[in-house]
């Protein structure tokens, strides 16, 4: 792919900023745990701190536009998103139950009785994510 916005200098600047941010994280007194099972707030605060340190705190960050300067933009597939949700549900039944409850309530709002709405939600959760939500979390 030949992207006219992509230049060796721009790619190097983006890479340098990522490495500088990672290096800054290793200098923090307070550790940050990242991952699908953790809140994003501490990471966002670390980003804000890094940007302010380097005088880049004006306005909203252009979190999507930087990819315009790469030859091969990062593409997240739908399947990758579904897999991430499925993994989170398998790791945390209460999270799966929250999804189940939202689906059941939508079915109930559309006129199904409580038992039918619960069955519809169970069917959806199993078909979409392979998760059995036939029992409430304890």
N, C-alpha and C. Protein backbone atom coordinates (compact mmCIF):
# COMPACT_ATOMS: atom_id res chain seq x y z
N UNK A 1 0.85 -1.18 0.00
CA UNK A 1 0.00 0.00 0.00
C UNK A 1 0.89 1.23 0.00
N UNK A 2 0.54 2.19 -0.80
CA UNK A 2 1.32 3.41 -0.89
C UNK A 2 0.45 4.57 -0.43
N UNK A 3 0.58 4.94 0.81
CA UNK A 3 -0.21 6.01 1.41
C UNK A 3 0.55 7.31 1.29
N UNK A 4 0.00 8.32 0.59
CA UNK A 4 0.73 9.59 0.43
C UNK A 4 0.99 10.31 1.74
N UNK A 5 0.17 10.05 2.77
CA UNK A 5 0.39 10.70 4.06
C UNK A 5 1.49 10.00 4.86
N UNK A 6 1.81 8.76 4.46
CA UNK A 6 2.81 7.99 5.18
C UNK A 6 4.20 8.33 4.67
N UNK A 7 5.04 8.78 5.59
CA UNK A 7 6.43 9.07 5.24
C UNK A 7 7.31 8.36 6.26
N UNK A 8 8.55 8.06 5.90
CA UNK A 8 9.44 7.45 6.90
C UNK A 8 9.54 8.30 8.16
N UNK A 9 9.55 9.63 8.00
CA UNK A 9 9.65 10.50 9.17
C UNK A 9 8.41 10.39 10.05
N UNK A 10 7.23 10.42 9.45
CA UNK A 10 6.00 10.33 10.24
C UNK A 10 5.91 8.98 10.95
N UNK A 11 6.25 7.90 10.26
CA UNK A 11 6.20 6.57 10.89
C UNK A 11 7.19 6.51 12.04
N UNK A 12 8.36 7.10 11.86
CA UNK A 12 9.37 7.10 12.92
C UNK A 12 8.92 7.93 14.11
N UNK A 13 8.23 9.05 13.85
CA UNK A 13 7.72 9.89 14.94
C UNK A 13 6.67 9.13 15.75
N UNK A 14 5.75 8.46 15.04
CA UNK A 14 4.71 7.68 15.73
C UNK A 14 5.36 6.58 16.57
N UNK A 15 6.31 5.86 15.98
CA UNK A 15 7.01 4.79 16.70
C UNK A 15 7.76 5.35 17.91
N UNK A 16 8.41 6.48 17.70
CA UNK A 16 9.15 7.09 18.81
C UNK A 16 8.25 7.49 19.96
N UNK A 17 7.08 8.03 19.65
CA UNK A 17 6.13 8.42 20.70
C UNK A 17 5.65 7.20 21.48
N UNK A 18 5.40 6.10 20.78
CA UNK A 18 4.95 4.89 21.46
C UNK A 18 6.04 4.37 22.38
N UNK A 19 7.28 4.32 21.90
CA UNK A 19 8.38 3.86 22.75
C UNK A 19 8.63 4.81 23.92
N UNK A 20 8.53 6.11 23.69
CA UNK A 20 8.72 7.07 24.77
C UNK A 20 7.64 6.91 25.84
N UNK A 21 6.40 6.67 25.41
CA UNK A 21 5.32 6.46 26.37
C UNK A 21 5.56 5.19 27.17
N UNK A 22 5.96 4.11 26.50
CA UNK A 22 6.25 2.86 27.21
C UNK A 22 7.38 3.06 28.22
N UNK A 23 8.40 3.81 27.83
CA UNK A 23 9.52 4.08 28.74
C UNK A 23 9.04 4.89 29.94
N UNK A 24 8.16 5.85 29.70
CA UNK A 24 7.61 6.66 30.79
C UNK A 24 6.84 5.79 31.78
N UNK A 25 6.10 4.81 31.25
CA UNK A 25 5.35 3.91 32.14
C UNK A 25 6.28 3.16 33.09
N UNK A 26 7.48 2.82 32.62
CA UNK A 26 8.40 2.08 33.48
C UNK A 26 9.01 2.95 34.57
N UNK A 27 8.84 4.26 34.47
CA UNK A 27 9.39 5.19 35.46
C UNK A 27 8.37 5.59 36.52
N UNK A 28 7.14 5.13 36.39
CA UNK A 28 6.09 5.52 37.34
C UNK A 28 6.31 4.85 38.69
N UNK A 29 5.99 5.57 39.77
CA UNK A 29 6.03 4.97 41.10
C UNK A 29 4.89 3.99 41.29
N UNK A 30 3.72 4.34 40.74
CA UNK A 30 2.54 3.50 40.86
C UNK A 30 2.39 2.64 39.60
N UNK A 31 2.33 1.31 39.75
CA UNK A 31 2.19 0.47 38.56
C UNK A 31 0.78 0.57 37.97
N UNK A 32 0.69 0.28 36.68
CA UNK A 32 -0.59 0.24 35.98
C UNK A 32 -0.74 -1.17 35.41
N UNK A 33 -1.88 -1.76 35.66
CA UNK A 33 -2.17 -3.08 35.10
C UNK A 33 -3.11 -2.88 33.92
N UNK A 34 -2.72 -3.43 32.78
CA UNK A 34 -3.50 -3.29 31.56
C UNK A 34 -4.05 -4.65 31.15
N UNK A 35 -5.20 -4.65 30.54
CA UNK A 35 -5.78 -5.88 30.03
C UNK A 35 -7.28 -5.78 29.98
N UNK A 36 -7.88 -6.78 29.37
CA UNK A 36 -9.33 -6.76 29.16
C UNK A 36 -10.11 -6.84 30.46
N UNK A 37 -9.48 -7.26 31.55
CA UNK A 37 -10.18 -7.40 32.82
C UNK A 37 -9.94 -6.22 33.75
N UNK A 38 -9.32 -5.16 33.23
CA UNK A 38 -8.99 -4.00 34.06
C UNK A 38 -9.60 -2.74 33.46
N UNK A 39 -9.84 -1.77 34.30
CA UNK A 39 -10.40 -0.49 33.86
C UNK A 39 -9.40 0.26 32.99
N UNK A 40 -9.92 1.01 32.04
CA UNK A 40 -9.06 1.78 31.13
C UNK A 40 -8.65 3.12 31.73
N UNK A 41 -9.32 3.56 32.79
CA UNK A 41 -9.06 4.87 33.38
C UNK A 41 -7.61 5.13 33.72
N UNK A 42 -6.93 4.23 34.45
CA UNK A 42 -5.52 4.50 34.77
C UNK A 42 -4.64 4.65 33.54
N UNK A 43 -4.92 3.87 32.50
CA UNK A 43 -4.13 3.99 31.27
C UNK A 43 -4.38 5.35 30.62
N UNK A 44 -5.65 5.77 30.59
CA UNK A 44 -5.97 7.07 30.00
C UNK A 44 -5.32 8.20 30.80
N UNK A 45 -5.32 8.08 32.11
CA UNK A 45 -4.67 9.09 32.95
C UNK A 45 -3.17 9.14 32.67
N UNK A 46 -2.56 7.97 32.48
CA UNK A 46 -1.13 7.93 32.15
C UNK A 46 -0.87 8.58 30.81
N UNK A 47 -1.77 8.37 29.85
CA UNK A 47 -1.63 9.04 28.54
C UNK A 47 -1.71 10.55 28.71
N UNK A 48 -2.71 11.01 29.46
CA UNK A 48 -2.85 12.46 29.70
C UNK A 48 -1.60 13.03 30.35
N UNK A 49 -1.08 12.32 31.35
CA UNK A 49 0.12 12.77 32.05
C UNK A 49 1.29 12.88 31.08
N UNK A 50 1.46 11.88 30.22
CA UNK A 50 2.54 11.87 29.23
C UNK A 50 2.39 13.03 28.25
N UNK A 51 1.18 13.24 27.77
CA UNK A 51 0.95 14.32 26.80
C UNK A 51 1.21 15.69 27.43
N UNK A 52 0.75 15.90 28.66
CA UNK A 52 0.99 17.18 29.35
C UNK A 52 2.48 17.40 29.57
N UNK A 53 3.19 16.33 29.92
CA UNK A 53 4.63 16.42 30.14
C UNK A 53 5.35 16.91 28.89
N UNK A 54 4.81 16.55 27.73
CA UNK A 54 5.44 16.92 26.46
C UNK A 54 4.72 18.06 25.75
N UNK A 55 3.86 18.78 26.49
CA UNK A 55 3.21 19.96 25.93
C UNK A 55 2.18 19.65 24.86
N UNK A 56 1.57 18.49 24.93
CA UNK A 56 0.60 18.08 23.91
C UNK A 56 -0.80 17.96 24.48
N UNK A 57 -1.12 18.76 25.45
CA UNK A 57 -2.40 18.59 26.15
C UNK A 57 -3.52 19.45 25.58
N UNK A 58 -3.28 20.16 24.50
CA UNK A 58 -4.31 21.04 23.94
C UNK A 58 -5.34 20.24 23.16
N UNK A 59 -6.61 20.39 23.50
CA UNK A 59 -7.69 19.75 22.74
C UNK A 59 -7.75 18.25 22.93
N UNK A 60 -8.63 17.65 22.15
CA UNK A 60 -8.82 16.21 22.20
C UNK A 60 -7.76 15.50 21.37
N UNK A 61 -7.22 14.40 21.88
CA UNK A 61 -6.25 13.63 21.06
C UNK A 61 -6.94 13.08 19.82
N UNK A 62 -6.22 13.01 18.74
CA UNK A 62 -6.75 12.46 17.49
C UNK A 62 -6.46 10.96 17.48
N UNK A 63 -7.25 10.21 18.25
CA UNK A 63 -6.93 8.80 18.48
C UNK A 63 -7.10 7.93 17.26
N UNK A 64 -7.83 8.36 16.27
CA UNK A 64 -7.99 7.56 15.06
C UNK A 64 -7.14 8.06 13.89
N UNK A 65 -6.89 9.35 13.84
CA UNK A 65 -6.23 9.94 12.68
C UNK A 65 -4.77 9.54 12.51
N UNK A 66 -4.10 9.16 13.58
CA UNK A 66 -2.69 8.81 13.44
C UNK A 66 -2.49 7.64 12.48
N UNK A 67 -3.50 6.77 12.38
CA UNK A 67 -3.38 5.62 11.48
C UNK A 67 -3.34 6.03 10.01
N UNK A 68 -3.84 7.24 9.72
CA UNK A 68 -3.80 7.74 8.35
C UNK A 68 -2.37 7.92 7.86
N UNK A 69 -1.41 7.96 8.77
CA UNK A 69 -0.02 8.20 8.41
C UNK A 69 0.80 6.90 8.35
N UNK A 70 0.11 5.77 8.34
CA UNK A 70 0.79 4.48 8.23
C UNK A 70 0.48 3.86 6.87
N UNK A 71 1.38 3.03 6.38
CA UNK A 71 1.12 2.31 5.13
C UNK A 71 0.09 1.21 5.33
N UNK A 72 0.10 0.60 6.51
CA UNK A 72 -0.83 -0.50 6.79
C UNK A 72 -1.57 -0.18 8.09
N UNK A 73 -2.68 0.55 7.99
CA UNK A 73 -3.42 0.90 9.20
C UNK A 73 -3.85 -0.35 9.97
N UNK A 74 -3.97 -0.20 11.27
CA UNK A 74 -4.41 -1.28 12.13
C UNK A 74 -5.90 -1.48 11.91
N UNK A 75 -6.28 -2.71 11.64
CA UNK A 75 -7.68 -3.04 11.40
C UNK A 75 -8.12 -4.08 12.42
N UNK A 76 -9.11 -3.74 13.20
CA UNK A 76 -9.69 -4.69 14.12
C UNK A 76 -10.87 -5.35 13.44
N UNK A 77 -10.88 -6.65 13.41
CA UNK A 77 -11.97 -7.36 12.76
C UNK A 77 -13.14 -7.54 13.71
N UNK A 78 -14.29 -7.74 13.13
CA UNK A 78 -15.47 -8.03 13.94
C UNK A 78 -15.24 -9.28 14.77
N UNK A 79 -14.62 -10.29 14.16
CA UNK A 79 -14.38 -11.54 14.87
C UNK A 79 -13.48 -11.31 16.08
N UNK A 80 -12.47 -10.45 15.94
CA UNK A 80 -11.59 -10.16 17.07
C UNK A 80 -12.38 -9.51 18.21
N UNK A 81 -13.32 -8.64 17.88
CA UNK A 81 -14.16 -8.02 18.90
C UNK A 81 -15.05 -9.05 19.60
N UNK A 82 -15.67 -9.92 18.82
CA UNK A 82 -16.53 -10.96 19.40
C UNK A 82 -15.69 -11.89 20.28
N UNK A 83 -14.51 -12.26 19.81
CA UNK A 83 -13.63 -13.13 20.61
C UNK A 83 -13.25 -12.47 21.93
N UNK A 84 -13.00 -11.16 21.91
CA UNK A 84 -12.65 -10.45 23.14
C UNK A 84 -13.83 -10.44 24.12
N UNK A 85 -15.03 -10.21 23.58
CA UNK A 85 -16.22 -10.22 24.44
C UNK A 85 -16.44 -11.62 25.01
N UNK A 86 -16.32 -12.64 24.16
CA UNK A 86 -16.49 -14.03 24.62
C UNK A 86 -15.51 -14.36 25.72
N UNK A 87 -14.25 -13.99 25.55
CA UNK A 87 -13.22 -14.26 26.57
C UNK A 87 -13.56 -13.57 27.88
N UNK A 88 -14.02 -12.33 27.79
CA UNK A 88 -14.38 -11.59 29.01
C UNK A 88 -15.56 -12.27 29.71
N UNK A 89 -16.52 -12.77 28.93
CA UNK A 89 -17.67 -13.45 29.52
C UNK A 89 -17.26 -14.76 30.17
N UNK A 90 -16.36 -15.50 29.54
CA UNK A 90 -15.90 -16.76 30.10
C UNK A 90 -15.14 -16.54 31.39
N UNK A 91 -14.44 -15.42 31.46
CA UNK A 91 -13.66 -15.11 32.66
C UNK A 91 -14.52 -14.53 33.78
N UNK A 92 -15.66 -13.96 33.45
CA UNK A 92 -16.48 -13.27 34.44
C UNK A 92 -17.96 -13.52 34.15
N UNK A 93 -18.53 -14.51 34.84
CA UNK A 93 -19.93 -14.88 34.59
C UNK A 93 -20.87 -13.71 34.86
N UNK A 94 -20.55 -12.87 35.82
CA UNK A 94 -21.40 -11.72 36.11
C UNK A 94 -21.48 -10.79 34.90
N UNK A 95 -20.39 -10.67 34.15
CA UNK A 95 -20.39 -9.86 32.93
C UNK A 95 -21.31 -10.49 31.89
N UNK A 96 -21.21 -11.80 31.74
CA UNK A 96 -22.10 -12.52 30.81
C UNK A 96 -23.55 -12.35 31.25
N UNK A 97 -23.79 -12.41 32.55
CA UNK A 97 -25.16 -12.26 33.05
C UNK A 97 -25.70 -10.86 32.78
N UNK A 98 -24.84 -9.86 32.83
CA UNK A 98 -25.28 -8.49 32.51
C UNK A 98 -25.75 -8.41 31.05
N UNK A 99 -25.03 -9.03 30.15
CA UNK A 99 -25.46 -9.08 28.76
C UNK A 99 -26.78 -9.83 28.66
N UNK A 100 -26.86 -10.99 29.30
CA UNK A 100 -28.08 -11.79 29.28
C UNK A 100 -29.26 -10.94 29.75
N UNK A 101 -29.08 -10.23 30.84
CA UNK A 101 -30.16 -9.43 31.41
C UNK A 101 -30.63 -8.33 30.46
N UNK A 102 -29.69 -7.71 29.76
CA UNK A 102 -30.06 -6.68 28.79
C UNK A 102 -30.83 -7.26 27.62
N UNK A 103 -30.42 -8.42 27.14
CA UNK A 103 -31.15 -9.07 26.04
C UNK A 103 -32.54 -9.47 26.52
N UNK A 104 -32.62 -10.06 27.71
CA UNK A 104 -33.92 -10.48 28.26
C UNK A 104 -34.86 -9.28 28.43
N UNK A 105 -34.34 -8.17 28.91
CA UNK A 105 -35.18 -7.00 29.11
C UNK A 105 -35.68 -6.44 27.78
N UNK A 106 -34.83 -6.47 26.76
CA UNK A 106 -35.27 -6.01 25.44
C UNK A 106 -36.39 -6.90 24.92
N UNK A 107 -36.26 -8.22 25.11
CA UNK A 107 -37.30 -9.15 24.67
C UNK A 107 -38.59 -8.92 25.47
N UNK A 108 -38.44 -8.68 26.76
CA UNK A 108 -39.60 -8.41 27.62
C UNK A 108 -40.30 -7.12 27.18
N UNK A 109 -39.51 -6.10 26.89
CA UNK A 109 -40.07 -4.82 26.44
C UNK A 109 -40.84 -4.97 25.11
N UNK A 110 -40.46 -5.96 24.32
CA UNK A 110 -41.14 -6.20 23.05
C UNK A 110 -42.36 -7.11 23.20
N UNK A 111 -42.70 -7.48 24.44
CA UNK A 111 -43.94 -8.20 24.65
C UNK A 111 -43.83 -9.65 25.10
N UNK A 112 -42.61 -10.20 25.13
CA UNK A 112 -42.49 -11.57 25.65
C UNK A 112 -42.71 -11.56 27.15
N UNK A 113 -43.29 -12.65 27.67
CA UNK A 113 -43.42 -12.74 29.12
C UNK A 113 -42.04 -13.02 29.72
N UNK A 114 -41.93 -12.94 31.03
CA UNK A 114 -40.63 -13.07 31.69
C UNK A 114 -39.92 -14.37 31.34
N UNK A 115 -40.62 -15.49 31.43
CA UNK A 115 -39.99 -16.79 31.16
C UNK A 115 -39.51 -16.88 29.71
N UNK A 116 -40.33 -16.42 28.77
CA UNK A 116 -39.94 -16.46 27.36
C UNK A 116 -38.77 -15.52 27.09
N UNK A 117 -38.75 -14.36 27.72
CA UNK A 117 -37.64 -13.41 27.55
C UNK A 117 -36.34 -14.02 28.07
N UNK A 118 -36.42 -14.72 29.20
CA UNK A 118 -35.24 -15.39 29.76
C UNK A 118 -34.72 -16.47 28.81
N UNK A 119 -35.64 -17.26 28.25
CA UNK A 119 -35.23 -18.31 27.31
C UNK A 119 -34.61 -17.70 26.06
N UNK A 120 -35.20 -16.60 25.57
CA UNK A 120 -34.65 -15.94 24.38
C UNK A 120 -33.23 -15.44 24.66
N UNK A 121 -33.03 -14.86 25.83
CA UNK A 121 -31.70 -14.37 26.19
C UNK A 121 -30.71 -15.53 26.31
N UNK A 122 -31.14 -16.63 26.93
CA UNK A 122 -30.27 -17.80 27.04
C UNK A 122 -29.88 -18.32 25.67
N UNK A 123 -30.85 -18.39 24.77
CA UNK A 123 -30.58 -18.87 23.42
C UNK A 123 -29.59 -17.95 22.71
N UNK A 124 -29.81 -16.64 22.83
CA UNK A 124 -28.89 -15.69 22.20
C UNK A 124 -27.48 -15.84 22.75
N UNK A 125 -27.35 -15.87 24.06
CA UNK A 125 -26.03 -15.93 24.68
C UNK A 125 -25.27 -17.19 24.27
N UNK A 126 -25.99 -18.30 24.16
CA UNK A 126 -25.32 -19.54 23.76
C UNK A 126 -24.97 -19.52 22.28
N UNK A 127 -25.88 -19.03 21.44
CA UNK A 127 -25.63 -18.99 19.99
C UNK A 127 -24.51 -18.01 19.65
N UNK A 128 -24.51 -16.85 20.28
CA UNK A 128 -23.54 -15.81 19.94
C UNK A 128 -22.18 -16.03 20.60
N UNK A 129 -22.18 -16.50 21.84
CA UNK A 129 -20.93 -16.54 22.61
C UNK A 129 -20.58 -17.90 23.19
N UNK A 130 -21.49 -18.89 23.04
CA UNK A 130 -21.21 -20.21 23.61
C UNK A 130 -21.26 -20.22 25.12
N UNK A 131 -22.00 -19.29 25.70
CA UNK A 131 -22.09 -19.15 27.16
C UNK A 131 -23.47 -19.62 27.62
N UNK A 132 -23.49 -20.52 28.60
CA UNK A 132 -24.76 -20.98 29.18
C UNK A 132 -25.14 -20.04 30.33
N UNK A 133 -26.20 -19.26 30.12
CA UNK A 133 -26.65 -18.31 31.15
C UNK A 133 -27.98 -18.76 31.75
N UNK A 134 -28.15 -20.08 31.88
CA UNK A 134 -29.42 -20.59 32.40
C UNK A 134 -29.53 -20.43 33.92
N UNK A 135 -28.44 -20.08 34.60
CA UNK A 135 -28.47 -19.90 36.06
C UNK A 135 -27.98 -18.50 36.41
N UNK A 136 -28.69 -17.87 37.33
CA UNK A 136 -28.25 -16.55 37.82
C UNK A 136 -26.94 -16.70 38.56
N UNK A 137 -26.09 -15.66 38.51
CA UNK A 137 -24.84 -15.74 39.29
C UNK A 137 -25.13 -15.78 40.78
N UNK A 138 -24.29 -16.49 41.49
CA UNK A 138 -24.50 -16.60 42.95
C UNK A 138 -23.73 -15.55 43.70
